[in-house]
Amino acid sequence: MAIDILSLRIGSHILVNGKRERVRGLDEDNGLIIRFPAEYVLASEVEPIAITPELLKELGFENGRVGIWWHWWKDGFHLQHRDESEYWHFHGDIGFRYFHELESLYYMIYETELIPD
């Protein structure tokens, strides 16, 4: 699945050939993502990273279950997820599927990266 370049920001993480990499720059006009200084990859050649319990644990989130919902939290940032859903929800209101979306929301609120450089 190709990724929508407009949904990315510098600092987002994507999959390039199955490996997690940080976006270093964007060229929206040509559909290019800069992954290292002077190294480009086409937006059509990268994939979004699915949010998984394993990824959230790696990032320091804690969890607990209430009824059909899993609750995940870190620093007051609260996510909810149901087992059969591919969507994650922030405070029950905002739904998203991919890690770069979670990263953007977290950065917008806390002005810090979930994965520091």
C-alpha atoms as a PDB file:
ATOM      1  CA  MET A   1       0.000   0.000   0.000  1.00  0.00           C
ATOM      2  CA  ALA A   2       1.408   3.374  -1.005  1.00  0.00           C
ATOM      3  CA  ILE A   3       1.359   6.203   1.489  1.00  0.00           C
ATOM      4  CA  ASP A   4      -0.239   9.615   0.967  1.00  0.00           C
ATOM      5  CA  ILE A   5       2.719  12.012   1.029  1.00  0.00           C
ATOM      6  CA  LEU A   6       0.438  14.790   2.307  1.00  0.00           C
ATOM      7  CA  SER A   7      -0.145  12.816   5.512  1.00  0.00           C
ATOM      8  CA  LEU A   8       3.574  12.842   6.373  1.00  0.00           C
ATOM      9  CA  ARG A   9       5.727  15.402   8.151  1.00  0.00           C
ATOM     10  CA  ILE A  10       9.455  15.620   8.710  1.00  0.00           C
ATOM     11  CA  GLY A  11      10.102  13.260  11.612  1.00  0.00           C
ATOM     12  CA  SER A  12       7.424  10.729  10.651  1.00  0.00           C
ATOM     13  CA  HIS A  13       8.391   7.071  10.433  1.00  0.00           C
ATOM     14  CA  ILE A  14       7.640   4.900   7.401  1.00  0.00           C
ATOM     15  CA  LEU A  15       8.586   1.465   6.078  1.00  0.00           C
ATOM     16  CA  VAL A  16      11.154   1.369   3.282  1.00  0.00           C
ATOM     17  CA  ASN A  17      11.846  -2.169   2.083  1.00  0.00           C
ATOM     18  CA  GLY A  18      10.396  -3.464   5.359  1.00  0.00           C
ATOM     19  CA  LYS A  19      12.688  -1.296   7.532  1.00  0.00           C
ATOM     20  CA  ARG A  20      11.469   1.553   9.756  1.00  0.00           C
ATOM     21  CA  GLU A  21      12.988   4.875   8.702  1.00  0.00           C
ATOM     22  CA  ARG A  22      12.501   8.535   9.654  1.00  0.00           C
ATOM     23  CA  VAL A  23      11.354  11.042   7.027  1.00  0.00           C
ATOM     24  CA  ARG A  24      14.083  13.696   6.675  1.00  0.00           C
ATOM     25  CA  GLY A  25      12.372  15.854   4.037  1.00  0.00           C
ATOM     26  CA  LEU A  26       9.547  15.942   1.510  1.00  0.00           C
ATOM     27  CA  ASP A  27       9.206  16.985  -2.124  1.00  0.00           C
ATOM     28  CA  GLU A  28       5.444  17.009  -2.599  1.00  0.00           C
ATOM     29  CA  ASP A  29       5.623  18.269  -6.212  1.00  0.00           C
ATOM     30  CA  ASN A  30       7.543  15.190  -7.329  1.00  0.00           C
ATOM     31  CA  GLY A  31       6.173  12.672  -4.814  1.00  0.00           C
ATOM     32  CA  LEU A  32       9.568  12.123  -3.221  1.00  0.00           C
ATOM     33  CA  ILE A  33      10.503  11.419   0.378  1.00  0.00           C
ATOM     34  CA  ILE A  34      14.018  12.215   1.568  1.00  0.00           C
ATOM     35  CA  ARG A  35      15.272   9.452   3.829  1.00  0.00           C
ATOM     36  CA  PHE A  36      18.944  10.374   4.177  1.00  0.00           C
ATOM     37  CA  PRO A  37      20.792  13.475   3.006  1.00  0.00           C
ATOM     38  CA  ALA A  38      20.483  13.433  -0.781  1.00  0.00           C
ATOM     39  CA  GLU A  39      18.782  10.014  -0.908  1.00  0.00           C
ATOM     40  CA  TYR A  40      15.221   9.925  -2.178  1.00  0.00           C
ATOM     41  CA  VAL A  41      12.505   7.306  -2.408  1.00  0.00           C
ATOM     42  CA  LEU A  42       9.196   7.597  -4.239  1.00  0.00           C
ATOM     43  CA  ALA A  43       6.135   7.927  -2.016  1.00  0.00           C
ATOM     44  CA  SER A  44       4.654   5.005  -3.961  1.00  0.00           C
ATOM     45  CA  GLU A  45       7.539   2.796  -2.760  1.00  0.00           C
ATOM     46  CA  VAL A  46       7.015   3.258   0.977  1.00  0.00           C
ATOM     47  CA  GLU A  47       4.375   1.865   3.305  1.00  0.00           C
ATOM     48  CA  PRO A  48       2.774   3.143   6.469  1.00  0.00           C
ATOM     49  CA  ILE A  49       3.564   1.406   9.753  1.00  0.00           C
ATOM     50  CA  ALA A  50       0.543  -0.229  11.394  1.00  0.00           C
ATOM     51  CA  ILE A  51       0.047   0.549  15.070  1.00  0.00           C
ATOM     52  CA  THR A  52       0.439  -2.630  17.115  1.00  0.00           C
ATOM     53  CA  PRO A  53       0.535  -3.439  20.835  1.00  0.00           C
ATOM     54  CA  GLU A  54       4.202  -4.398  20.412  1.00  0.00           C
ATOM     55  CA  LEU A  55       5.040  -0.998  18.922  1.00  0.00           C
ATOM     56  CA  LEU A  56       3.210   0.842  21.703  1.00  0.00           C
ATOM     57  CA  LYS A  57       5.056  -1.175  24.359  1.00  0.00           C
ATOM     58  CA  GLU A  58       8.366  -0.337  22.640  1.00  0.00           C
ATOM     59  CA  LEU A  59       7.398   3.348  22.915  1.00  0.00           C
ATOM     60  CA  GLY A  60       6.678   3.079  26.647  1.00  0.00           C
ATOM     61  CA  PHE A  61       2.886   2.943  26.603  1.00  0.00           C
ATOM     62  CA  GLU A  62       1.113   1.057  29.391  1.00  0.00           C
ATOM     63  CA  ASN A  63      -2.177  -0.759  28.910  1.00  0.00           C
ATOM     64  CA  GLY A  64      -5.241  -2.228  30.527  1.00  0.00           C
ATOM     65  CA  ARG A  65      -8.542  -3.668  29.401  1.00  0.00           C
ATOM     66  CA  VAL A  66     -12.060  -2.457  30.239  1.00  0.00           C
ATOM     67  CA  GLY A  67     -14.828  -4.523  28.630  1.00  0.00           C
ATOM     68  CA  ILE A  68     -14.248  -4.732  24.873  1.00  0.00           C
ATOM     69  CA  TRP A  69     -11.740  -1.848  24.852  1.00  0.00           C
ATOM     70  CA  TRP A  70      -7.997  -1.896  25.343  1.00  0.00           C
ATOM     71  CA  HIS A  71      -6.699   1.336  26.853  1.00  0.00           C
ATOM     72  CA  TRP A  72      -3.144   2.489  26.198  1.00  0.00           C
ATOM     73  CA  TRP A  73      -1.584   5.548  27.846  1.00  0.00           C
ATOM     74  CA  LYS A  74       1.633   7.490  28.092  1.00  0.00           C
ATOM     75  CA  ASP A  75       2.121  10.903  29.728  1.00  0.00           C
ATOM     76  CA  GLY A  76      -1.643  11.553  29.829  1.00  0.00           C
ATOM     77  CA  PHE A  77      -1.973  10.610  26.149  1.00  0.00           C
ATOM     78  CA  HIS A  78      -4.775   8.034  26.024  1.00  0.00           C
ATOM     79  CA  LEU A  79      -5.568   5.608  23.199  1.00  0.00           C
ATOM     80  CA  GLN A  80      -8.404   3.092  22.920  1.00  0.00           C
ATOM     81  CA  HIS A  81      -8.613   0.034  20.673  1.00  0.00           C
ATOM     82  CA  ARG A  82     -10.972  -2.901  20.122  1.00  0.00           C
ATOM     83  CA  ASP A  83      -9.445  -6.243  19.116  1.00  0.00           C
ATOM     84  CA  GLU A  84     -11.352  -6.604  15.842  1.00  0.00           C
ATOM     85  CA  SER A  85     -10.788  -3.010  14.695  1.00  0.00           C
ATOM     86  CA  GLU A  86      -7.869  -1.720  12.667  1.00  0.00           C
ATOM     87  CA  TYR A  87      -8.501   1.772  14.052  1.00  0.00           C
ATOM     88  CA  TRP A  88      -7.090   3.309  17.222  1.00  0.00           C
ATOM     89  CA  HIS A  89      -8.853   6.191  18.958  1.00  0.00           C
ATOM     90  CA  PHE A  90      -7.487   9.180  20.849  1.00  0.00           C
ATOM     91  CA  HIS A  91      -9.724   9.927  23.834  1.00  0.00           C
ATOM     92  CA  GLY A  92     -12.500   8.130  21.938  1.00  0.00           C
ATOM     93  CA  ASP A  93     -12.864  10.955  19.406  1.00  0.00           C
ATOM     94  CA  ILE A  94     -10.100  10.847  16.801  1.00  0.00           C
ATOM     95  CA  GLY A  95      -9.539   7.615  14.862  1.00  0.00           C
ATOM     96  CA  PHE A  96      -6.413   6.617  12.945  1.00  0.00           C
ATOM     97  CA  ARG A  97      -4.653   3.478  11.681  1.00  0.00           C
ATOM     98  CA  TYR A  98      -0.988   4.254  11.147  1.00  0.00           C
ATOM     99  CA  PHE A  99       2.014   5.192  13.227  1.00  0.00           C
ATOM    100  CA  HIS A 100       2.818   8.400  11.316  1.00  0.00           C
ATOM    101  CA  GLU A 101      -0.696   9.644  12.176  1.00  0.00           C
ATOM    102  CA  LEU A 102      -0.148   8.837  15.857  1.00  0.00           C
ATOM    103  CA  GLU A 103       3.262  10.539  15.741  1.00  0.00           C
ATOM    104  CA  SER A 104       1.763  13.701  14.257  1.00  0.00           C
ATOM    105  CA  LEU A 105      -0.996  13.888  16.865  1.00  0.00           C
ATOM    106  CA  TYR A 106       1.434  13.246  19.734  1.00  0.00           C
ATOM    107  CA  TYR A 107       3.849  15.875  18.382  1.00  0.00           C
ATOM    108  CA  MET A 108       1.053  18.410  17.963  1.00  0.00           C
ATOM    109  CA  ILE A 109       0.067  18.008  21.634  1.00  0.00           C
ATOM    110  CA  TYR A 110       3.449  17.565  23.353  1.00  0.00           C
ATOM    111  CA  GLU A 111       5.883  19.136  20.851  1.00  0.00           C
ATOM    112  CA  THR A 112       8.153  16.134  21.203  1.00  0.00           C
ATOM    113  CA  GLU A 113       8.764  13.030  19.100  1.00  0.00           C
ATOM    114  CA  LEU A 114       7.598   9.582  20.221  1.00  0.00           C
ATOM    115  CA  ILE A 115      10.928   8.275  18.860  1.00  0.00           C
ATOM    116  CA  PRO A 116      13.644  10.852  19.553  1.00  0.00           C
ATOM    117  CA  ASP A 117      16.577  11.093  17.130  1.00  0.00           C
END
